[in-house]
Amino acid sequence: MPRFAQLVIGPAGSGKSTYCSTMLQHLGSMNRSAQVVNLDPAAEHFDYPVMADIRELIQVDDVMEDPSLRFGPNGGLVFCMEYFANNFDWLGESLGHVEDDYILFDCPGQIELYTHLPVMKQLVEQLQQWEFRVCGVFLVDSQFMVETFKFISGVMAALSAMVVLEIPQINIMTKMDLLSPKAKKEIEKYLDPDMYSMMQDTSDNIRSKKFKKLTKAICGLIDDYSMVRFMPFDRTDEEGMNMVLQSIDFSIQYGEDLEFKEPKEVDEESADLNYDEIFQGKGDS
């Protein structure tokens, strides 16, 4: 039996831990079993139970306080993740060997982990060796995506993670519940964007011809190949969360290998007796 995983990634402050907590509660309301693994060695607190916590293996604070290393916050986190990549046995022991697992991995917010460093790619390959079907869930703060150039920046970050990790990826705009009604209406055009029309609307703000040409090429890549689309995530909207979950489940083929439970067989004699009683009752009436 395969196992299933959501690799929850995205920039710092995009709402990864909140997403894991909300999705865990949503899965529980559907009577579906799920677990969360914290892979952020700099995490301070989270409001969900974890089946494994990377801070039991290594913490950023310990690395930064080591006089022989002298790392800052960013370098310390990268060091922690590289140390983690050399100790995947710890993760394997923590996950165990239960079949039909559904696990959310709450990952760090260092964007370089998903752009050019090999750590997350190595994690994906290791999970696949453990028979996990992995889906990347790339989160971007919807409050950040309210301008065309910021939107293009978010799309490029999502596309970079998609290329590096080489797994199915669902891109999500989080914190939709924090937007004003006006902002929600404004952001709808970014959920199913027409990149060429957006480019025309903002072309006057680009003075350099070279940058205008580059931006047009990027917009064409995004629009022509439909490579990146975002789904809204409102933690107060059950139907919206269902749509997100269905997209993720479809990408990793969750449910296709679940065993079919046949209906209980009914004894023929008791069935005949029940039918006789029914028809006899109708005849009396």
C-alpha atoms as a PDB file:
ATOM      1  CA  MET A   1       0.000   0.000   0.000  1.00  0.00           C
ATOM      2  CA  PRO A   2       1.321   3.459  -0.862  1.00  0.00           C
ATOM      3  CA  ARG A   3       1.719   6.258   1.654  1.00  0.00           C
ATOM      4  CA  PHE A   4       0.822   9.881   1.034  1.00  0.00           C
ATOM      5  CA  ALA A   5       2.497  13.181   1.848  1.00  0.00           C
ATOM      6  CA  GLN A   6       1.901  16.897   1.494  1.00  0.00           C
ATOM      7  CA  LEU A   7       5.151  18.857   1.419  1.00  0.00           C
ATOM      8  CA  VAL A   8       3.973  22.252   2.683  1.00  0.00           C
ATOM      9  CA  ILE A   9       6.446  24.839   1.385  1.00  0.00           C
ATOM     10  CA  GLY A  10       6.616  28.556   0.652  1.00  0.00           C
ATOM     11  CA  PRO A  11       8.209  31.816   1.815  1.00  0.00           C
ATOM     12  CA  ALA A  12       8.454  32.777   5.482  1.00  0.00           C
ATOM     13  CA  GLY A  13       5.174  34.130   6.832  1.00  0.00           C
ATOM     14  CA  SER A  14       3.034  32.549   4.122  1.00  0.00           C
ATOM     15  CA  GLY A  15       1.003  30.577   6.685  1.00  0.00           C
ATOM     16  CA  LYS A  16       2.468  27.071   6.456  1.00  0.00           C
ATOM     17  CA  SER A  17       1.917  26.125  10.108  1.00  0.00           C
ATOM     18  CA  THR A  18      -1.582  27.630  10.083  1.00  0.00           C
ATOM     19  CA  TYR A  19      -2.359  25.657   6.926  1.00  0.00           C
ATOM     20  CA  CYS A  20      -1.166  22.413   8.561  1.00  0.00           C
ATOM     21  CA  SER A  21      -3.240  23.074  11.674  1.00  0.00           C
ATOM     22  CA  THR A  22      -6.366  23.974   9.684  1.00  0.00           C
ATOM     23  CA  MET A  23      -6.011  21.062   7.257  1.00  0.00           C
ATOM     24  CA  LEU A  24      -5.415  18.639  10.138  1.00  0.00           C
ATOM     25  CA  GLN A  25      -8.679  19.754  11.765  1.00  0.00           C
ATOM     26  CA  HIS A  26     -10.496  19.559   8.433  1.00  0.00           C
ATOM     27  CA  LEU A  27      -9.278  16.012   7.811  1.00  0.00           C
ATOM     28  CA  GLY A  28     -10.338  15.071  11.342  1.00  0.00           C
ATOM     29  CA  SER A  29     -13.846  16.384  10.697  1.00  0.00           C
ATOM     30  CA  MET A  30     -13.967  14.020   7.690  1.00  0.00           C
ATOM     31  CA  ASN A  31     -12.881  11.071   9.865  1.00  0.00           C
ATOM     32  CA  ARG A  32      -9.618  10.836   7.953  1.00  0.00           C
ATOM     33  CA  SER A  33      -6.442  10.013   9.821  1.00  0.00           C
ATOM     34  CA  ALA A  34      -3.513  12.383   9.261  1.00  0.00           C
ATOM     35  CA  GLN A  35      -0.308  13.382  11.010  1.00  0.00           C
ATOM     36  CA  VAL A  36       2.011  16.407  10.910  1.00  0.00           C
ATOM     37  CA  VAL A  37       5.812  16.414  10.920  1.00  0.00           C
ATOM     38  CA  ASN A  38       7.637  19.641  11.799  1.00  0.00           C
ATOM     39  CA  LEU A  39      10.729  20.127   9.628  1.00  0.00           C
ATOM     40  CA  ASP A  40      11.445  23.708  10.691  1.00  0.00           C
ATOM     41  CA  PRO A  41      14.405  23.719  13.116  1.00  0.00           C
ATOM     42  CA  ALA A  42      13.691  27.385  13.915  1.00  0.00           C
ATOM     43  CA  ALA A  43      10.016  26.905  14.835  1.00  0.00           C
ATOM     44  CA  GLU A  44       9.041  28.371  18.176  1.00  0.00           C
ATOM     45  CA  HIS A  45       5.501  27.070  18.643  1.00  0.00           C
ATOM     46  CA  PHE A  46       2.608  25.503  16.757  1.00  0.00           C
ATOM     47  CA  ASP A  47      -0.903  24.578  17.801  1.00  0.00           C
ATOM     48  CA  TYR A  48      -1.067  21.007  16.523  1.00  0.00           C
ATOM     49  CA  PRO A  49       0.346  17.685  17.753  1.00  0.00           C
ATOM     50  CA  VAL A  50       3.333  16.373  15.794  1.00  0.00           C
ATOM     51  CA  MET A  51       4.402  12.787  15.168  1.00  0.00           C
ATOM     52  CA  ALA A  52       8.003  13.981  14.665  1.00  0.00           C
ATOM     53  CA  ASP A  53       9.846  17.241  15.355  1.00  0.00           C
ATOM     54  CA  ILE A  54      13.191  18.052  13.726  1.00  0.00           C
ATOM     55  CA  ARG A  55      14.108  20.090  16.805  1.00  0.00           C
ATOM     56  CA  GLU A  56      14.648  16.773  18.583  1.00  0.00           C
ATOM     57  CA  LEU A  57      17.470  16.204  16.086  1.00  0.00           C
ATOM     58  CA  ILE A  58      18.892  19.722  15.742  1.00  0.00           C
ATOM     59  CA  GLN A  59      17.887  23.314  16.514  1.00  0.00           C
ATOM     60  CA  VAL A  60      18.933  26.592  14.915  1.00  0.00           C
ATOM     61  CA  ASP A  61      19.624  28.208  18.291  1.00  0.00           C
ATOM     62  CA  ASP A  62      22.132  25.497  19.184  1.00  0.00           C
ATOM     63  CA  VAL A  63      23.913  25.938  15.858  1.00  0.00           C
ATOM     64  CA  MET A  64      24.074  29.731  16.222  1.00  0.00           C
ATOM     65  CA  GLU A  65      25.467  29.444  19.761  1.00  0.00           C
ATOM     66  CA  ASP A  66      28.228  27.054  18.684  1.00  0.00           C
ATOM     67  CA  PRO A  67      31.468  29.143  18.699  1.00  0.00           C
ATOM     68  CA  SER A  68      33.122  26.865  16.161  1.00  0.00           C
ATOM     69  CA  LEU A  69      30.410  27.508  13.541  1.00  0.00           C
ATOM     70  CA  ARG A  70      29.526  31.183  14.006  1.00  0.00           C
ATOM     71  CA  PHE A  71      26.431  31.046  11.810  1.00  0.00           C
ATOM     72  CA  GLY A  72      23.693  33.638  11.655  1.00  0.00           C
ATOM     73  CA  PRO A  73      19.985  32.738  11.400  1.00  0.00           C
ATOM     74  CA  ASN A  74      20.017  31.977   7.659  1.00  0.00           C
ATOM     75  CA  GLY A  75      23.288  30.088   7.628  1.00  0.00           C
ATOM     76  CA  GLY A  76      22.270  28.224  10.774  1.00  0.00           C
ATOM     77  CA  LEU A  77      19.013  27.045   9.206  1.00  0.00           C
ATOM     78  CA  VAL A  78      20.771  25.868   6.050  1.00  0.00           C
ATOM     79  CA  PHE A  79      23.305  23.995   8.200  1.00  0.00           C
ATOM     80  CA  CYS A  80      20.444  22.342  10.124  1.00  0.00           C
ATOM     81  CA  MET A  81      18.734  21.199   6.929  1.00  0.00           C
ATOM     82  CA  GLU A  82      21.981  19.808   5.514  1.00  0.00           C
ATOM     83  CA  TYR A  83      22.553  17.966   8.792  1.00  0.00           C
ATOM     84  CA  PHE A  84      18.998  16.647   8.529  1.00  0.00           C
ATOM     85  CA  ALA A  85      19.689  15.406   4.969  1.00  0.00           C
ATOM     86  CA  ASN A  86      22.601  13.370   6.334  1.00  0.00           C
ATOM     87  CA  ASN A  87      20.378  11.847   9.023  1.00  0.00           C
ATOM     88  CA  PHE A  88      17.245  10.706   7.185  1.00  0.00           C
ATOM     89  CA  ASP A  89      17.386   7.546   9.312  1.00  0.00           C
ATOM     90  CA  TRP A  90      16.012   9.634  12.198  1.00  0.00           C
ATOM     91  CA  LEU A  91      12.990  10.579  10.080  1.00  0.00           C
ATOM     92  CA  GLY A  92      12.482   7.009   8.940  1.00  0.00           C
ATOM     93  CA  GLU A  93      12.403   5.765  12.530  1.00  0.00           C
ATOM     94  CA  SER A  94       9.989   8.542  13.507  1.00  0.00           C
ATOM     95  CA  LEU A  95       7.590   7.790  10.640  1.00  0.00           C
ATOM     96  CA  GLY A  96       7.570   4.054  11.237  1.00  0.00           C
ATOM     97  CA  HIS A  97       6.184   1.632   8.672  1.00  0.00           C
ATOM     98  CA  VAL A  98       2.429   2.068   8.924  1.00  0.00           C
ATOM     99  CA  GLU A  99       0.680   1.608   5.563  1.00  0.00           C
ATOM    100  CA  ASP A 100      -1.744   4.161   4.164  1.00  0.00           C
ATOM    101  CA  ASP A 101      -0.161   7.039   6.107  1.00  0.00           C
ATOM    102  CA  TYR A 102      -1.242  10.584   5.248  1.00  0.00           C
ATOM    103  CA  ILE A 103       1.364  13.037   6.512  1.00  0.00           C
ATOM    104  CA  LEU A 104       1.767  16.818   6.244  1.00  0.00           C
ATOM    105  CA  PHE A 105       5.376  18.025   6.358  1.00  0.00           C
ATOM    106  CA  ASP A 106       5.592  21.575   7.716  1.00  0.00           C
ATOM    107  CA  CYS A 107       8.764  22.890   6.069  1.00  0.00           C
ATOM    108  CA  PRO A 108      11.009  25.922   6.714  1.00  0.00           C
ATOM    109  CA  GLY A 109      10.452  29.247   4.976  1.00  0.00           C
ATOM    110  CA  GLN A 110      13.939  29.690   3.505  1.00  0.00           C
ATOM    111  CA  ILE A 111      13.171  30.144  -0.190  1.00  0.00           C
ATOM    112  CA  GLU A 112      16.662  28.990  -1.236  1.00  0.00           C
ATOM    113  CA  LEU A 113      15.769  25.502   0.002  1.00  0.00           C
ATOM    114  CA  TYR A 114      13.338  25.247  -2.923  1.00  0.00           C
ATOM    115  CA  THR A 115      15.357  27.091  -5.560  1.00  0.00           C
ATOM    116  CA  HIS A 116      18.973  25.908  -5.683  1.00  0.00           C
ATOM    117  CA  LEU A 117      19.899  23.910  -2.577  1.00  0.00           C
ATOM    118  CA  PRO A 118      19.513  20.107  -2.939  1.00  0.00           C
ATOM    119  CA  VAL A 119      18.129  19.347   0.545  1.00  0.00           C
ATOM    120  CA  MET A 120      14.398  19.325  -0.257  1.00  0.00           C
ATOM    121  CA  LYS A 121      14.955  17.398  -3.485  1.00  0.00           C
ATOM    122  CA  GLN A 122      16.856  14.787  -1.485  1.00  0.00           C
ATOM    123  CA  LEU A 123      13.966  14.635   0.994  1.00  0.00           C
ATOM    124  CA  VAL A 124      11.470  14.052  -1.817  1.00  0.00           C
ATOM    125  CA  GLU A 125      13.595  11.252  -3.260  1.00  0.00           C
ATOM    126  CA  GLN A 126      13.920   9.632   0.164  1.00  0.00           C
ATOM    127  CA  LEU A 127      10.163   9.782   0.774  1.00  0.00           C
ATOM    128  CA  GLN A 128       9.552   8.237  -2.635  1.00  0.00           C
ATOM    129  CA  GLN A 129      11.919   5.390  -1.717  1.00  0.00           C
ATOM    130  CA  TRP A 130       9.724   4.858   1.348  1.00  0.00           C
ATOM    131  CA  GLU A 131       6.740   4.500  -1.041  1.00  0.00           C
ATOM    132  CA  PHE A 132       5.287   7.942  -0.380  1.00  0.00           C
ATOM    133  CA  ARG A 133       3.335   9.710  -3.082  1.00  0.00           C
ATOM    134  CA  VAL A 134       4.374  13.322  -2.542  1.00  0.00           C
ATOM    135  CA  CYS A 135       2.569  16.528  -3.515  1.00  0.00           C
ATOM    136  CA  GLY A 136       4.142  19.939  -3.069  1.00  0.00           C
ATOM    137  CA  VAL A 137       1.796  22.543  -1.567  1.00  0.00           C
ATOM    138  CA  PHE A 138       3.317  25.949  -2.315  1.00  0.00           C
ATOM    139  CA  LEU A 139       1.822  28.752  -0.235  1.00  0.00           C
ATOM    140  CA  VAL A 140       1.901  32.483  -0.940  1.00  0.00           C
ATOM    141  CA  ASP A 141       0.339  35.180   1.228  1.00  0.00           C
ATOM    142  CA  SER A 142      -2.627  36.631  -0.680  1.00  0.00           C
ATOM    143  CA  GLN A 143      -1.972  40.006   0.956  1.00  0.00           C
ATOM    144  CA  PHE A 144       1.343  40.067  -0.916  1.00  0.00           C
ATOM    145  CA  MET A 145      -0.185  39.243  -4.318  1.00  0.00           C
ATOM    146  CA  VAL A 146      -2.204  42.405  -4.834  1.00  0.00           C
ATOM    147  CA  GLU A 147       0.025  43.971  -7.490  1.00  0.00           C
ATOM    148  CA  THR A 148       1.001  42.578 -10.882  1.00  0.00           C
ATOM    149  CA  PHE A 149       4.769  42.627 -10.346  1.00  0.00           C
ATOM    150  CA  LYS A 150       4.452  41.015  -6.932  1.00  0.00           C
ATOM    151  CA  PHE A 151       2.202  38.382  -8.460  1.00  0.00           C
ATOM    152  CA  ILE A 152       4.772  37.623 -11.163  1.00  0.00           C
ATOM    153  CA  SER A 153       7.442  37.326  -8.451  1.00  0.00           C
ATOM    154  CA  GLY A 154       5.270  34.822  -6.550  1.00  0.00           C
ATOM    155  CA  VAL A 155       4.625  32.848  -9.732  1.00  0.00           C
ATOM    156  CA  MET A 156       8.358  32.614 -10.471  1.00  0.00           C
ATOM    157  CA  ALA A 157       9.067  31.382  -6.938  1.00  0.00           C
ATOM    158  CA  ALA A 158       6.370  28.710  -7.302  1.00  0.00           C
ATOM    159  CA  LEU A 159       7.681  27.737 -10.724  1.00  0.00           C
ATOM    160  CA  SER A 160      11.230  27.464  -9.391  1.00  0.00           C
ATOM    161  CA  ALA A 161      10.113  25.079  -6.642  1.00  0.00           C
ATOM    162  CA  MET A 162       8.156  23.051  -9.188  1.00  0.00           C
ATOM    163  CA  VAL A 163      11.195  22.669 -11.453  1.00  0.00           C
ATOM    164  CA  VAL A 164      13.595  21.788  -8.620  1.00  0.00           C
ATOM    165  CA  LEU A 165      11.400  19.274  -6.762  1.00  0.00           C
ATOM    166  CA  GLU A 166       9.838  17.577  -9.831  1.00  0.00           C
ATOM    167  CA  ILE A 167       6.650  16.547  -8.054  1.00  0.00           C
ATOM    168  CA  PRO A 168       2.970  17.448  -8.512  1.00  0.00           C
ATOM    169  CA  GLN A 169       2.433  20.879  -7.016  1.00  0.00           C
ATOM    170  CA  ILE A 170      -0.674  22.753  -5.884  1.00  0.00           C
ATOM    171  CA  ASN A 171      -0.168  26.515  -5.504  1.00  0.00           C
ATOM    172  CA  ILE A 172      -2.303  28.248  -2.892  1.00  0.00           C
ATOM    173  CA  MET A 173      -3.032  31.829  -1.900  1.00  0.00           C
ATOM    174  CA  THR A 174      -3.423  31.796   1.863  1.00  0.00           C
ATOM    175  CA  LYS A 175      -5.018  34.197   4.353  1.00  0.00           C
ATOM    176  CA  MET A 176      -7.954  34.963   2.064  1.00  0.00           C
ATOM    177  CA  ASP A 177     -10.072  35.350   5.198  1.00  0.00           C
ATOM    178  CA  LEU A 178      -7.962  38.378   6.199  1.00  0.00           C
ATOM    179  CA  LEU A 179      -8.669  40.331   3.004  1.00  0.00           C
ATOM    180  CA  SER A 180     -11.256  43.080   2.830  1.00  0.00           C
ATOM    181  CA  PRO A 181     -14.213  42.550   0.441  1.00  0.00           C
ATOM    182  CA  LYS A 182     -12.629  45.022  -1.975  1.00  0.00           C
ATOM    183  CA  ALA A 183      -9.263  43.231  -1.877  1.00  0.00           C
ATOM    184  CA  LYS A 184     -10.961  39.843  -2.387  1.00  0.00           C
ATOM    185  CA  LYS A 185     -12.657  41.137  -5.507  1.00  0.00           C
ATOM    186  CA  GLU A 186      -9.401  42.636  -6.747  1.00  0.00           C
ATOM    187  CA  ILE A 187      -7.427  39.435  -6.218  1.00  0.00           C
ATOM    188  CA  GLU A 188      -9.843  37.272  -8.231  1.00  0.00           C
ATOM    189  CA  LYS A 189      -8.060  38.276 -11.434  1.00  0.00           C
ATOM    190  CA  TYR A 190      -4.874  36.678 -10.093  1.00  0.00           C
ATOM    191  CA  LEU A 191      -6.528  33.310  -9.479  1.00  0.00           C
ATOM    192  CA  ASP A 192      -7.164  32.824 -13.204  1.00  0.00           C
ATOM    193  CA  PRO A 193      -4.929  35.517 -14.703  1.00  0.00           C
ATOM    194  CA  ASP A 194      -4.753  36.821 -18.242  1.00  0.00           C
ATOM    195  CA  MET A 195      -1.072  37.644 -18.209  1.00  0.00           C
ATOM    196  CA  TYR A 196      -1.038  39.588 -21.456  1.00  0.00           C
ATOM    197  CA  SER A 197      -3.770  41.976 -20.382  1.00  0.00           C
ATOM    198  CA  MET A 198      -2.072  42.381 -16.992  1.00  0.00           C
ATOM    199  CA  MET A 199       1.157  43.180 -18.797  1.00  0.00           C
ATOM    200  CA  GLN A 200      -0.541  45.867 -20.883  1.00  0.00           C
ATOM    201  CA  ASP A 201      -2.054  47.439 -17.784  1.00  0.00           C
ATOM    202  CA  THR A 202       1.351  47.870 -16.149  1.00  0.00           C
ATOM    203  CA  SER A 203       3.612  48.395 -19.174  1.00  0.00           C
ATOM    204  CA  ASP A 204       3.603  52.159 -18.682  1.00  0.00           C
ATOM    205  CA  ASN A 205       5.366  51.704 -15.329  1.00  0.00           C
ATOM    206  CA  ILE A 206       8.340  49.965 -16.962  1.00  0.00           C
ATOM    207  CA  ARG A 207      10.783  52.508 -18.339  1.00  0.00           C
ATOM    208  CA  SER A 208      13.501  50.157 -19.566  1.00  0.00           C
ATOM    209  CA  LYS A 209      12.784  48.467 -22.916  1.00  0.00           C
ATOM    210  CA  LYS A 210      14.912  45.467 -21.909  1.00  0.00           C
ATOM    211  CA  PHE A 211      12.932  44.873 -18.704  1.00  0.00           C
ATOM    212  CA  LYS A 212       9.677  45.380 -20.566  1.00  0.00           C
ATOM    213  CA  LYS A 213      10.711  42.711 -23.069  1.00  0.00           C
ATOM    214  CA  LEU A 214      11.819  40.349 -20.296  1.00  0.00           C
ATOM    215  CA  THR A 215       8.575  40.825 -18.349  1.00  0.00           C
ATOM    216  CA  LYS A 216       6.573  40.191 -21.509  1.00  0.00           C
ATOM    217  CA  ALA A 217       8.501  36.954 -22.127  1.00  0.00           C
ATOM    218  CA  ILE A 218       7.873  35.777 -18.558  1.00  0.00           C
ATOM    219  CA  CYS A 219       4.162  36.599 -18.842  1.00  0.00           C
ATOM    220  CA  GLY A 220       4.013  34.701 -22.126  1.00  0.00           C
ATOM    221  CA  LEU A 221       5.640  31.637 -20.554  1.00  0.00           C
ATOM    222  CA  ILE A 222       3.157  31.645 -17.696  1.00  0.00           C
ATOM    223  CA  ASP A 223       0.111  32.260 -19.895  1.00  0.00           C
ATOM    224  CA  ASP A 224       0.892  30.100 -22.937  1.00  0.00           C
ATOM    225  CA  TYR A 225       1.768  26.956 -20.992  1.00  0.00           C
ATOM    226  CA  SER A 226      -0.616  27.430 -18.031  1.00  0.00           C
ATOM    227  CA  MET A 227       2.242  26.354 -15.798  1.00  0.00           C
ATOM    228  CA  VAL A 228       1.158  28.073 -12.586  1.00  0.00           C
ATOM    229  CA  ARG A 229      -2.328  28.584 -11.197  1.00  0.00           C
ATOM    230  CA  PHE A 230      -3.331  29.494  -7.654  1.00  0.00           C
ATOM    231  CA  MET A 231      -6.201  28.251  -5.529  1.00  0.00           C
ATOM    232  CA  PRO A 232      -7.670  30.413  -2.733  1.00  0.00           C
ATOM    233  CA  PHE A 233      -7.452  29.141   0.839  1.00  0.00           C
ATOM    234  CA  ASP A 234      -9.860  30.597   3.377  1.00  0.00           C
ATOM    235  CA  ARG A 235      -9.689  28.762   6.694  1.00  0.00           C
ATOM    236  CA  THR A 236     -13.322  29.734   7.399  1.00  0.00           C
ATOM    237  CA  ASP A 237     -14.625  28.269   4.116  1.00  0.00           C
ATOM    238  CA  GLU A 238     -15.233  24.508   4.356  1.00  0.00           C
ATOM    239  CA  GLU A 239     -16.162  24.192   0.681  1.00  0.00           C
ATOM    240  CA  GLY A 240     -12.990  25.995  -0.388  1.00  0.00           C
ATOM    241  CA  MET A 241     -10.843  23.741   1.796  1.00  0.00           C
ATOM    242  CA  ASN A 242     -12.569  20.712   0.281  1.00  0.00           C
ATOM    243  CA  MET A 243     -11.653  21.890  -3.209  1.00  0.00           C
ATOM    244  CA  VAL A 244      -8.015  22.335  -2.191  1.00  0.00           C
ATOM    245  CA  LEU A 245      -7.920  18.901  -0.560  1.00  0.00           C
ATOM    246  CA  GLN A 246      -9.555  17.238  -3.564  1.00  0.00           C
ATOM    247  CA  SER A 247      -6.951  18.758  -5.893  1.00  0.00           C
ATOM    248  CA  ILE A 248      -4.128  17.503  -3.680  1.00  0.00           C
ATOM    249  CA  ASP A 249      -5.662  14.041  -3.299  1.00  0.00           C
ATOM    250  CA  PHE A 250      -6.176  13.796  -7.059  1.00  0.00           C
ATOM    251  CA  SER A 251      -2.534  14.695  -7.739  1.00  0.00           C
ATOM    252  CA  ILE A 252      -1.260  11.887  -5.494  1.00  0.00           C
ATOM    253  CA  GLN A 253      -4.093   9.473  -6.398  1.00  0.00           C
ATOM    254  CA  TYR A 254      -5.278   9.206  -2.826  1.00  0.00           C
ATOM    255  CA  GLY A 255      -8.144   6.748  -2.397  1.00  0.00           C
ATOM    256  CA  GLU A 256      -7.555   4.743  -5.571  1.00  0.00           C
ATOM    257  CA  ASP A 257      -5.899   1.908  -3.659  1.00  0.00           C
ATOM    258  CA  LEU A 258      -8.323   1.784  -0.739  1.00  0.00           C
ATOM    259  CA  GLU A 259      -9.935  -1.607  -0.286  1.00  0.00           C
ATOM    260  CA  PHE A 260     -13.543  -1.891  -1.372  1.00  0.00           C
ATOM    261  CA  LYS A 261     -15.821  -3.118   1.381  1.00  0.00           C
ATOM    262  CA  GLU A 262     -18.540  -5.421   0.064  1.00  0.00           C
ATOM    263  CA  PRO A 263     -22.035  -5.108   1.554  1.00  0.00           C
ATOM    264  CA  LYS A 264     -23.007  -7.718   4.089  1.00  0.00           C
ATOM    265  CA  GLU A 265     -24.651 -10.794   2.611  1.00  0.00           C
ATOM    266  CA  VAL A 266     -28.241 -11.353   3.634  1.00  0.00           C
ATOM    267  CA  ASP A 267     -29.420 -14.862   4.384  1.00  0.00           C
ATOM    268  CA  GLU A 268     -31.830 -15.965   1.611  1.00  0.00           C
ATOM    269  CA  GLU A 269     -34.344 -17.597   3.967  1.00  0.00           C
ATOM    270  CA  SER A 270     -34.567 -14.517   6.218  1.00  0.00           C
ATOM    271  CA  ALA A 271     -34.854 -12.314   3.139  1.00  0.00           C
ATOM    272  CA  ASP A 272     -37.728 -14.418   1.764  1.00  0.00           C
ATOM    273  CA  LEU A 273     -39.398 -14.297   5.156  1.00  0.00           C
ATOM    274  CA  ASN A 274     -39.145 -10.498   5.252  1.00  0.00           C
ATOM    275  CA  TYR A 275     -40.635 -10.189   1.784  1.00  0.00           C
ATOM    276  CA  ASP A 276     -43.518 -12.512   2.736  1.00  0.00           C
ATOM    277  CA  GLU A 277     -44.252 -10.409   5.805  1.00  0.00           C
ATOM    278  CA  ILE A 278     -44.247  -7.229   3.735  1.00  0.00           C
ATOM    279  CA  PHE A 279     -46.638  -8.547   1.098  1.00  0.00           C
ATOM    280  CA  GLN A 280     -48.845 -10.182   3.716  1.00  0.00           C
ATOM    281  CA  GLY A 281     -49.080  -6.849   5.521  1.00  0.00           C
ATOM    282  CA  LYS A 282     -50.123  -5.132   2.288  1.00  0.00           C
ATOM    283  CA  GLY A 283     -52.765  -7.796   1.646  1.00  0.00           C
ATOM    284  CA  ASP A 284     -54.287  -7.295   5.101  1.00  0.00           C
ATOM    285  CA  SER A 285     -54.526  -3.553   4.583  1.00  0.00           C
END
